[in-house]
Amino acid sequence: MNTLTVKWSGPHKLNQATPYYEGGAIGLYIVIQDHDDVVYVGKAEAKKGAMTRARSHRKKYTRRRRMRGLDYDENKAFVYAGHVAPKDEGLIDLAEHLLISYLYRTHWHQMVNTQKLYYEGKPPLKIINEAETSDKMLGRIPPCLPKEIISPSELEQIRS
């Protein structure tokens, strides 16, 4: 099973200037409103860091939330940027799927049975979430995530 360590920085206000250390960071990002309402999960690719990607998808998640009858207030939105080591870039797509799968089960309750289906057929993965604590930044793990997330197939094996 592959293991991916994600170091989270943030929360950053969506409408603030991009912190210099987020410029081209590669990894994942989560947009949260009111500190616990998960709005969007995405991946940040080279030269388009988390803040840039989050801003560029603003219309997409605003439209999706309105279609579901949910509100969205940009003034209450925060971005958490999850950085991964360059050697782990190949796991970002898989990690994005696992985060979405996890959040379907824990936060987007209308799709409880989707978690296993969304991740089905994908290789086993374990995500370790850590707060980024370098001298440049002080981060927190997004409040919607535990310290570790394991793919559904691995969880079933552990439970049996």
N, C-alpha and C. Protein backbone atom coordinates (compact mmCIF):
# COMPACT_ATOMS: atom_id res chain seq x y z
N MET A 1 0.85 -1.19 0.00
CA MET A 1 0.00 0.00 0.00
C MET A 1 0.89 1.24 0.00
N ASN A 2 0.56 2.19 -0.87
CA ASN A 2 1.28 3.46 -0.89
C ASN A 2 0.85 4.32 0.29
N THR A 3 1.78 5.09 0.81
CA THR A 3 1.49 6.04 1.88
C THR A 3 1.90 7.43 1.40
N LEU A 4 1.01 8.38 1.59
CA LEU A 4 1.25 9.76 1.17
C LEU A 4 1.11 10.67 2.38
N THR A 5 2.14 11.45 2.67
CA THR A 5 2.07 12.44 3.74
C THR A 5 1.70 13.78 3.13
N VAL A 6 0.65 14.40 3.67
CA VAL A 6 0.19 15.71 3.20
C VAL A 6 0.41 16.69 4.34
N LYS A 7 1.14 17.76 4.06
CA LYS A 7 1.39 18.80 5.07
C LYS A 7 0.48 19.99 4.74
N TRP A 8 -0.43 20.28 5.64
CA TRP A 8 -1.46 21.29 5.42
C TRP A 8 -1.05 22.65 5.95
N SER A 9 -1.24 23.67 5.13
CA SER A 9 -1.09 25.06 5.59
C SER A 9 -2.46 25.71 5.51
N GLY A 10 -2.63 26.74 6.26
CA GLY A 10 -3.91 27.43 6.27
C GLY A 10 -4.50 27.37 7.67
N PRO A 11 -5.65 27.91 7.83
CA PRO A 11 -6.56 28.37 6.79
C PRO A 11 -6.18 29.75 6.22
N HIS A 12 -6.39 29.89 4.93
CA HIS A 12 -6.17 31.16 4.24
C HIS A 12 -7.52 31.66 3.75
N LYS A 13 -7.77 32.95 3.91
CA LYS A 13 -8.99 33.53 3.37
C LYS A 13 -8.92 33.43 1.85
N LEU A 14 -10.01 33.04 1.23
CA LEU A 14 -10.04 32.85 -0.21
C LEU A 14 -9.77 34.15 -0.95
N ASN A 15 -10.21 35.26 -0.38
CA ASN A 15 -10.05 36.54 -1.07
C ASN A 15 -8.80 37.31 -0.63
N GLN A 16 -7.88 36.68 0.11
CA GLN A 16 -6.63 37.35 0.49
C GLN A 16 -5.58 37.14 -0.59
N ALA A 17 -4.54 37.93 -0.53
CA ALA A 17 -3.43 37.75 -1.47
C ALA A 17 -2.79 36.39 -1.23
N THR A 18 -2.29 35.78 -2.29
CA THR A 18 -1.66 34.47 -2.18
C THR A 18 -0.36 34.58 -1.38
N PRO A 19 -0.25 33.83 -0.29
CA PRO A 19 1.01 33.85 0.46
C PRO A 19 2.15 33.38 -0.44
N TYR A 20 3.31 33.99 -0.32
CA TYR A 20 4.41 33.69 -1.25
C TYR A 20 4.79 32.22 -1.26
N TYR A 21 4.65 31.52 -0.15
CA TYR A 21 5.03 30.11 -0.10
C TYR A 21 4.00 29.20 -0.76
N GLU A 22 2.84 29.74 -1.15
CA GLU A 22 1.82 28.94 -1.81
C GLU A 22 1.87 29.07 -3.33
N GLY A 23 2.72 29.92 -3.83
CA GLY A 23 2.75 30.23 -5.26
C GLY A 23 2.59 29.07 -6.20
N GLY A 24 3.50 28.12 -6.20
CA GLY A 24 3.41 27.00 -7.13
C GLY A 24 3.40 25.67 -6.43
N ALA A 25 2.93 25.65 -5.19
CA ALA A 25 2.94 24.41 -4.41
C ALA A 25 2.06 23.36 -5.05
N ILE A 26 2.56 22.13 -5.09
CA ILE A 26 1.84 21.03 -5.69
C ILE A 26 1.20 20.20 -4.58
N GLY A 27 -0.05 19.80 -4.78
CA GLY A 27 -0.71 18.98 -3.78
C GLY A 27 -2.21 19.03 -3.91
N LEU A 28 -2.89 19.19 -2.79
CA LEU A 28 -4.34 19.17 -2.71
C LEU A 28 -4.82 20.45 -2.03
N TYR A 29 -6.10 20.73 -2.17
CA TYR A 29 -6.66 21.83 -1.39
C TYR A 29 -8.11 21.54 -1.05
N ILE A 30 -8.55 22.13 0.05
CA ILE A 30 -9.92 22.00 0.50
C ILE A 30 -10.44 23.40 0.79
N VAL A 31 -11.61 23.72 0.25
CA VAL A 31 -12.28 24.99 0.54
C VAL A 31 -13.36 24.69 1.57
N ILE A 32 -13.31 25.43 2.67
CA ILE A 32 -14.25 25.23 3.77
C ILE A 32 -14.92 26.56 4.08
N GLN A 33 -16.21 26.49 4.34
CA GLN A 33 -16.98 27.68 4.72
C GLN A 33 -17.42 27.51 6.17
N ASP A 34 -17.38 28.56 6.94
CA ASP A 34 -17.80 28.53 8.35
C ASP A 34 -17.03 27.48 9.16
N HIS A 35 -15.80 27.23 8.83
CA HIS A 35 -14.87 26.37 9.57
C HIS A 35 -15.17 24.88 9.54
N ASP A 36 -16.35 24.43 9.05
CA ASP A 36 -16.60 22.98 9.03
C ASP A 36 -17.45 22.53 7.85
N ASP A 37 -17.91 23.43 7.02
CA ASP A 37 -18.73 23.09 5.87
C ASP A 37 -17.82 22.95 4.65
N VAL A 38 -17.55 21.71 4.23
CA VAL A 38 -16.64 21.45 3.12
C VAL A 38 -17.33 21.83 1.81
N VAL A 39 -16.73 22.77 1.10
CA VAL A 39 -17.30 23.27 -0.15
C VAL A 39 -16.71 22.55 -1.36
N TYR A 40 -15.39 22.31 -1.34
CA TYR A 40 -14.75 21.77 -2.54
C TYR A 40 -13.41 21.12 -2.18
N VAL A 41 -13.07 20.08 -2.91
CA VAL A 41 -11.77 19.42 -2.79
C VAL A 41 -11.16 19.40 -4.18
N GLY A 42 -9.91 19.78 -4.29
CA GLY A 42 -9.26 19.79 -5.60
C GLY A 42 -7.78 19.52 -5.48
N LYS A 43 -7.13 19.49 -6.63
CA LYS A 43 -5.68 19.28 -6.64
C LYS A 43 -5.00 20.50 -7.24
N ALA A 44 -3.85 20.82 -6.69
CA ALA A 44 -3.06 21.95 -7.16
C ALA A 44 -1.87 21.38 -7.92
N GLU A 45 -1.72 21.83 -9.14
CA GLU A 45 -0.65 21.32 -9.99
C GLU A 45 0.46 22.35 -10.12
N ALA A 46 1.55 21.94 -10.73
CA ALA A 46 2.72 22.81 -10.90
C ALA A 46 2.32 24.16 -11.49
N LYS A 47 2.88 25.20 -10.96
CA LYS A 47 2.69 26.59 -11.38
C LYS A 47 1.29 27.14 -11.11
N LYS A 48 0.40 26.32 -10.57
CA LYS A 48 -0.93 26.79 -10.17
C LYS A 48 -1.16 26.25 -8.77
N GLY A 49 -0.69 26.96 -7.79
CA GLY A 49 -0.82 26.51 -6.41
C GLY A 49 -2.26 26.46 -5.96
N ALA A 50 -2.46 26.06 -4.71
CA ALA A 50 -3.79 25.85 -4.16
C ALA A 50 -4.66 27.10 -4.22
N MET A 51 -4.12 28.24 -3.87
CA MET A 51 -4.93 29.46 -3.85
C MET A 51 -5.40 29.82 -5.26
N THR A 52 -4.51 29.72 -6.23
CA THR A 52 -4.87 30.03 -7.62
C THR A 52 -5.95 29.08 -8.11
N ARG A 53 -5.77 27.78 -7.85
CA ARG A 53 -6.76 26.79 -8.27
C ARG A 53 -8.10 27.02 -7.58
N ALA A 54 -8.07 27.29 -6.28
CA ALA A 54 -9.32 27.51 -5.54
C ALA A 54 -10.07 28.70 -6.11
N ARG A 55 -9.36 29.77 -6.40
CA ARG A 55 -10.01 30.95 -6.98
C ARG A 55 -10.57 30.66 -8.37
N SER A 56 -9.83 29.89 -9.16
CA SER A 56 -10.27 29.63 -10.53
C SER A 56 -11.50 28.72 -10.57
N HIS A 57 -11.75 27.95 -9.52
CA HIS A 57 -12.92 27.07 -9.49
C HIS A 57 -14.10 27.67 -8.73
N ARG A 58 -13.98 28.93 -8.36
CA ARG A 58 -15.03 29.60 -7.59
C ARG A 58 -16.42 29.45 -8.21
N LYS A 59 -16.52 29.72 -9.50
CA LYS A 59 -17.82 29.65 -10.16
C LYS A 59 -18.38 28.23 -10.14
N LYS A 60 -17.49 27.25 -10.29
CA LYS A 60 -17.92 25.86 -10.31
C LYS A 60 -18.56 25.46 -8.99
N TYR A 61 -17.88 25.73 -7.86
CA TYR A 61 -18.48 25.26 -6.61
C TYR A 61 -19.61 26.15 -6.15
N THR A 62 -19.64 27.41 -6.54
CA THR A 62 -20.79 28.26 -6.22
C THR A 62 -22.03 27.72 -6.92
N ARG A 63 -21.89 27.39 -8.19
CA ARG A 63 -23.01 26.85 -8.99
C ARG A 63 -23.48 25.51 -8.41
N ARG A 64 -22.54 24.61 -8.08
CA ARG A 64 -22.91 23.29 -7.52
C ARG A 64 -23.67 23.42 -6.22
N ARG A 65 -23.23 24.31 -5.36
CA ARG A 65 -23.91 24.48 -4.07
C ARG A 65 -25.30 25.06 -4.26
N ARG A 66 -25.44 26.00 -5.15
CA ARG A 66 -26.77 26.59 -5.38
C ARG A 66 -27.73 25.55 -5.97
N MET A 67 -27.20 24.67 -6.84
CA MET A 67 -28.04 23.61 -7.41
C MET A 67 -28.56 22.68 -6.32
N ARG A 68 -27.80 22.49 -5.26
CA ARG A 68 -28.20 21.63 -4.13
C ARG A 68 -28.97 22.40 -3.07
N GLY A 69 -29.22 23.68 -3.31
CA GLY A 69 -29.95 24.48 -2.34
C GLY A 69 -29.12 24.92 -1.15
N LEU A 70 -27.79 24.93 -1.32
CA LEU A 70 -26.89 25.33 -0.24
C LEU A 70 -26.35 26.73 -0.50
N ASP A 71 -26.07 27.46 0.55
CA ASP A 71 -25.54 28.81 0.36
C ASP A 71 -24.02 28.77 0.25
N TYR A 72 -23.48 29.85 -0.24
CA TYR A 72 -22.03 30.01 -0.31
C TYR A 72 -21.72 31.48 -0.10
N ASP A 73 -20.86 31.76 0.88
CA ASP A 73 -20.46 33.12 1.18
C ASP A 73 -18.94 33.18 1.14
N GLU A 74 -18.41 33.81 0.12
CA GLU A 74 -16.96 33.87 -0.07
C GLU A 74 -16.25 34.53 1.11
N ASN A 75 -16.93 35.41 1.82
CA ASN A 75 -16.31 36.07 2.96
C ASN A 75 -16.10 35.12 4.13
N LYS A 76 -16.79 33.97 4.10
CA LYS A 76 -16.63 32.97 5.16
C LYS A 76 -15.84 31.75 4.68
N ALA A 77 -15.27 31.84 3.48
CA ALA A 77 -14.57 30.70 2.89
C ALA A 77 -13.07 30.74 3.20
N PHE A 78 -12.53 29.58 3.49
CA PHE A 78 -11.11 29.42 3.78
C PHE A 78 -10.54 28.30 2.93
N VAL A 79 -9.27 28.43 2.59
CA VAL A 79 -8.59 27.40 1.82
C VAL A 79 -7.49 26.79 2.69
N TYR A 80 -7.44 25.48 2.70
CA TYR A 80 -6.34 24.74 3.30
C TYR A 80 -5.56 24.14 2.14
N ALA A 81 -4.27 24.36 2.12
CA ALA A 81 -3.41 23.85 1.05
C ALA A 81 -2.62 22.67 1.57
N GLY A 82 -2.72 21.54 0.90
CA GLY A 82 -2.01 20.33 1.30
C GLY A 82 -0.82 20.09 0.40
N HIS A 83 0.37 20.20 0.95
CA HIS A 83 1.60 20.05 0.17
C HIS A 83 2.08 18.61 0.20
N VAL A 84 2.55 18.13 -0.94
CA VAL A 84 3.15 16.79 -1.00
C VAL A 84 4.57 16.90 -1.51
N ALA A 85 5.38 15.93 -1.15
CA ALA A 85 6.77 15.90 -1.61
C ALA A 85 6.80 15.64 -3.11
N PRO A 86 7.76 16.23 -3.82
CA PRO A 86 7.85 16.02 -5.27
C PRO A 86 7.87 14.54 -5.67
N LYS A 87 8.47 13.69 -4.86
CA LYS A 87 8.52 12.26 -5.18
C LYS A 87 7.13 11.61 -5.14
N ASP A 88 6.16 12.26 -4.50
CA ASP A 88 4.81 11.70 -4.37
C ASP A 88 3.79 12.33 -5.31
N GLU A 89 4.23 13.16 -6.24
CA GLU A 89 3.30 13.83 -7.15
C GLU A 89 2.39 12.85 -7.88
N GLY A 90 2.90 11.66 -8.17
CA GLY A 90 2.11 10.67 -8.89
C GLY A 90 0.92 10.14 -8.10
N LEU A 91 0.86 10.43 -6.82
CA LEU A 91 -0.24 9.95 -5.98
C LEU A 91 -1.33 11.00 -5.76
N ILE A 92 -1.16 12.19 -6.33
CA ILE A 92 -2.11 13.28 -6.06
C ILE A 92 -3.51 12.95 -6.56
N ASP A 93 -3.64 12.42 -7.78
CA ASP A 93 -4.98 12.07 -8.29
C ASP A 93 -5.67 11.07 -7.38
N LEU A 94 -4.93 10.04 -6.99
CA LEU A 94 -5.46 9.00 -6.11
C LEU A 94 -5.86 9.59 -4.76
N ALA A 95 -5.03 10.47 -4.23
CA ALA A 95 -5.32 11.10 -2.94
C ALA A 95 -6.56 11.99 -3.02
N GLU A 96 -6.72 12.70 -4.13
CA GLU A 96 -7.92 13.52 -4.31
C GLU A 96 -9.17 12.63 -4.27
N HIS A 97 -9.13 11.50 -4.96
CA HIS A 97 -10.26 10.57 -4.95
C HIS A 97 -10.54 10.04 -3.55
N LEU A 98 -9.49 9.72 -2.81
CA LEU A 98 -9.68 9.19 -1.46
C LEU A 98 -10.25 10.25 -0.53
N LEU A 99 -9.78 11.50 -0.64
CA LEU A 99 -10.35 12.58 0.19
C LEU A 99 -11.83 12.78 -0.11
N ILE A 100 -12.17 12.81 -1.39
CA ILE A 100 -13.58 12.99 -1.77
C ILE A 100 -14.41 11.82 -1.26
N SER A 101 -13.89 10.62 -1.41
CA SER A 101 -14.57 9.42 -0.93
C SER A 101 -14.81 9.50 0.58
N TYR A 102 -13.79 9.90 1.30
CA TYR A 102 -13.91 10.03 2.76
C TYR A 102 -14.97 11.09 3.12
N LEU A 103 -14.94 12.22 2.43
CA LEU A 103 -15.87 13.31 2.75
C LEU A 103 -17.30 12.97 2.37
N TYR A 104 -17.50 12.16 1.33
CA TYR A 104 -18.86 11.69 1.01
C TYR A 104 -19.45 10.98 2.23
N ARG A 105 -18.67 10.16 2.87
CA ARG A 105 -19.16 9.38 3.99
C ARG A 105 -19.35 10.22 5.25
N THR A 106 -18.44 11.15 5.48
CA THR A 106 -18.45 11.87 6.77
C THR A 106 -19.12 13.23 6.75
N HIS A 107 -19.14 13.92 5.61
CA HIS A 107 -19.68 15.28 5.58
C HIS A 107 -20.82 15.48 4.59
N TRP A 108 -20.79 14.76 3.51
CA TRP A 108 -21.85 14.91 2.51
C TRP A 108 -22.77 13.71 2.63
N HIS A 109 -23.52 13.65 3.73
CA HIS A 109 -24.27 12.46 4.13
C HIS A 109 -25.31 12.00 3.12
N GLN A 110 -25.72 12.84 2.21
CA GLN A 110 -26.73 12.42 1.24
C GLN A 110 -26.19 11.35 0.30
N MET A 111 -24.90 11.11 0.33
CA MET A 111 -24.29 10.13 -0.57
C MET A 111 -23.50 9.10 0.23
N VAL A 112 -24.05 8.60 1.30
CA VAL A 112 -23.33 7.70 2.20
C VAL A 112 -22.77 6.48 1.48
N ASN A 113 -23.52 5.88 0.59
CA ASN A 113 -23.08 4.65 -0.09
C ASN A 113 -22.10 4.92 -1.22
N THR A 114 -21.82 6.16 -1.50
CA THR A 114 -20.94 6.50 -2.61
C THR A 114 -19.48 6.31 -2.27
N GLN A 115 -19.12 6.31 -0.99
CA GLN A 115 -17.70 6.26 -0.63
C GLN A 115 -16.99 5.08 -1.25
N LYS A 116 -17.51 3.90 -1.06
CA LYS A 116 -16.85 2.72 -1.60
C LYS A 116 -16.86 2.75 -3.12
N LEU A 117 -17.98 3.14 -3.71
CA LEU A 117 -18.09 3.16 -5.17
C LEU A 117 -17.13 4.16 -5.80
N TYR A 118 -16.98 5.32 -5.17
CA TYR A 118 -16.13 6.36 -5.74
C TYR A 118 -14.66 5.94 -5.77
N TYR A 119 -14.27 5.12 -4.83
CA TYR A 119 -12.87 4.71 -4.76
C TYR A 119 -12.65 3.28 -5.26
N GLU A 120 -13.70 2.58 -5.60
CA GLU A 120 -13.62 1.18 -6.00
C GLU A 120 -12.70 0.98 -7.20
N GLY A 121 -11.89 -0.07 -7.13
CA GLY A 121 -11.00 -0.39 -8.22
C GLY A 121 -9.68 0.37 -8.23
N LYS A 122 -9.51 1.26 -7.30
CA LYS A 122 -8.27 2.04 -7.23
C LYS A 122 -7.30 1.36 -6.26
N PRO A 123 -6.00 1.58 -6.46
CA PRO A 123 -5.02 0.93 -5.59
C PRO A 123 -5.12 1.41 -4.14
N PRO A 124 -4.74 0.57 -3.18
CA PRO A 124 -4.79 0.95 -1.77
C PRO A 124 -3.89 2.17 -1.49
N LEU A 125 -4.38 3.04 -0.63
CA LEU A 125 -3.63 4.25 -0.29
C LEU A 125 -3.92 4.62 1.16
N LYS A 126 -2.90 5.12 1.81
CA LYS A 126 -3.04 5.66 3.16
C LYS A 126 -2.53 7.10 3.11
N ILE A 127 -3.36 8.03 3.57
CA ILE A 127 -2.97 9.43 3.64
C ILE A 127 -2.70 9.77 5.10
N ILE A 128 -1.55 10.35 5.35
CA ILE A 128 -1.20 10.85 6.69
C ILE A 128 -1.26 12.37 6.62
N ASN A 129 -2.13 12.97 7.40
CA ASN A 129 -2.30 14.42 7.43
C ASN A 129 -1.49 15.02 8.57
N GLU A 130 -0.69 16.02 8.23
CA GLU A 130 0.12 16.73 9.23
C GLU A 130 -0.04 18.23 9.03
N ALA A 131 0.15 18.97 10.10
CA ALA A 131 0.14 20.43 10.01
C ALA A 131 1.53 20.89 9.56
N GLU A 132 1.57 21.81 8.62
CA GLU A 132 2.85 22.39 8.17
C GLU A 132 3.32 23.35 9.24
N THR A 133 4.53 23.16 9.71
CA THR A 133 5.02 24.01 10.81
C THR A 133 6.43 24.52 10.54
N SER A 134 6.73 24.83 9.29
CA SER A 134 8.05 25.38 9.00
C SER A 134 8.11 26.83 9.47
N ASP A 135 9.29 27.43 9.35
CA ASP A 135 9.43 28.82 9.79
C ASP A 135 8.66 29.79 8.89
N LYS A 136 8.33 29.37 7.67
CA LYS A 136 7.60 30.23 6.73
C LYS A 136 6.11 30.28 7.04
N MET A 137 5.58 29.19 7.57
CA MET A 137 4.13 29.12 7.73
C MET A 137 3.75 28.28 8.94
N LEU A 138 2.57 28.52 9.39
CA LEU A 138 2.01 27.72 10.47
C LEU A 138 0.65 27.25 9.98
N GLY A 139 0.49 25.97 9.88
CA GLY A 139 -0.76 25.45 9.34
C GLY A 139 -1.48 24.56 10.32
N ARG A 140 -2.68 24.21 9.92
CA ARG A 140 -3.50 23.27 10.68
C ARG A 140 -4.08 22.25 9.71
N ILE A 141 -4.33 21.07 10.21
CA ILE A 141 -5.03 20.08 9.42
C ILE A 141 -6.47 20.57 9.31
N PRO A 142 -7.08 20.50 8.12
CA PRO A 142 -8.49 20.93 8.01
C PRO A 142 -9.35 20.19 9.04
N PRO A 143 -10.28 20.89 9.67
CA PRO A 143 -11.07 20.29 10.74
C PRO A 143 -11.91 19.09 10.30
N CYS A 144 -12.12 18.93 9.01
CA CYS A 144 -12.93 17.83 8.49
C CYS A 144 -12.13 16.54 8.29
N LEU A 145 -10.82 16.58 8.52
CA LEU A 145 -9.98 15.42 8.25
C LEU A 145 -9.34 14.86 9.51
N PRO A 146 -9.24 13.53 9.60
CA PRO A 146 -8.51 12.91 10.70
C PRO A 146 -7.02 12.87 10.38
N LYS A 147 -6.21 12.38 11.30
CA LYS A 147 -4.77 12.28 11.07
C LYS A 147 -4.44 11.28 9.96
N GLU A 148 -5.24 10.24 9.82
CA GLU A 148 -5.00 9.22 8.79
C GLU A 148 -6.29 8.86 8.09
N ILE A 149 -6.19 8.62 6.79
CA ILE A 149 -7.31 8.13 6.00
C ILE A 149 -6.80 6.93 5.22
N ILE A 150 -7.54 5.83 5.30
CA ILE A 150 -7.15 4.61 4.61
C ILE A 150 -8.22 4.26 3.60
N SER A 151 -7.80 3.79 2.43
CA SER A 151 -8.76 3.44 1.38
C SER A 151 -9.75 2.39 1.87
N PRO A 152 -11.00 2.43 1.36
CA PRO A 152 -12.07 1.54 1.85
C PRO A 152 -11.71 0.06 1.82
N SER A 153 -11.02 -0.40 0.79
CA SER A 153 -10.68 -1.82 0.70
C SER A 153 -9.74 -2.22 1.85
N GLU A 154 -8.82 -1.34 2.20
CA GLU A 154 -7.91 -1.62 3.31
C GLU A 154 -8.64 -1.60 4.65
N LEU A 155 -9.61 -0.70 4.79
CA LEU A 155 -10.39 -0.65 6.03
C LEU A 155 -11.15 -1.95 6.23
N GLU A 156 -11.73 -2.48 5.16
CA GLU A 156 -12.47 -3.74 5.25
C GLU A 156 -11.56 -4.87 5.71
N GLN A 157 -10.33 -4.91 5.19
CA GLN A 157 -9.40 -5.96 5.59
C GLN A 157 -9.01 -5.83 7.05
N ILE A 158 -8.84 -4.60 7.52
CA ILE A 158 -8.49 -4.36 8.93
C ILE A 158 -9.62 -4.81 9.83
N ARG A 159 -10.85 -4.51 9.44
CA ARG A 159 -12.02 -4.84 10.27
C ARG A 159 -12.31 -6.34 10.32
N SER A 160 -11.92 -7.07 9.27
CA SER A 160 -12.25 -8.51 9.26
C SER A 160 -11.16 -9.36 9.86
